[in-house]
């Protein structure tokens, strides 16, 4: 089968590799659509902690089941599925409580020897697959994965209708977080991003205030727009130390900062900003089965139509090495989501 291999740092090419064989509780999925994630670009650049070349990576995908292991009972050949690309050990405290997303022995598609979705076929555990409703496109099925990152964060935060929100960073995860937040009919919503294109897109999704942090101090702007109070919830989706400190300072007393981005290196924060005002910092890591179930139900209710606005380019597997290289060079900074279609 064809696959996109990162053979070394900064090198991507189409290769021929053996088609994987599912174990008893796995299925073989013919990949139909796959999204290119920022973590894939980090892997290409040799900056990812565990997606390390040589590797066939990729984890945002949907497809059609081509074969099932002898122990699989929930799926049949021909079923269309969105893939949830991780699985816990099933034995630890976190897995037993349903929090397998933070299992210390969790395994992920596209890491090490587990061939990722930048290939014509991928194996996945039965529990990692979610049936796609009739009418859901494979492109949408692939975008469920990054959407669930934002949805999980919104659920972790506990946002309610009328609450004020800021989303710092309007890349893919920022946009998906924003779409998730808009599901609960929030009050004032602010976003920040350097890109005018992304700020305009956020405005098209219903945001009232999209701020360029190079032109306006976002903390002062938010306080000036909220009577000096700040916002109830701040989502950090940009991997930047400055942004984290901005989040703390624009957060309302007793508000919550939700950290989605992985910020590299040591990060200094003023602890008094947390303690004196009883602010809470929450981490949000990936998603779980409940997030996929909610997302698919939201799609059924026609509440995820904004996905189409986020697709920057639709490409073939043959195009992908060039596009990945361009993304790694910073030539596609305005892109939100690039989707590889395999048919």
Foldseek 3Di string as FASTA:
>chain_A
DWFWWLQAQQDIDIDDDDQDDEAQQKFKWQWFKFWDDVLNLCQNNQNHPFLHPRWGAGAQTKGFTCGHHNNYDPDDGGFIWQFQFKAAPCPDPCNVVQNRLPHPRMDGAGGDPQHYPRGRMHMDGNQRIDGADPPDDRNVSSLLQLLLLLLQLCVVQVDAAAFEEEEEDQAQNSVSVLLNNVVRHYHAYEYEDQDPLSLVLSVVVPHPYYDHCVVDPVLVVQCVVVVNFAGQEYEYPDQDLVVVQSRLSRHGQLHEYEYSDNHDDDHDHDCCSCPVRVYYYHYGGRHGPVSSVVVSVCVVVVSPPSVVVQEDEEEESNCPRVVSSCVSVVVPVSHRIYMYGHD
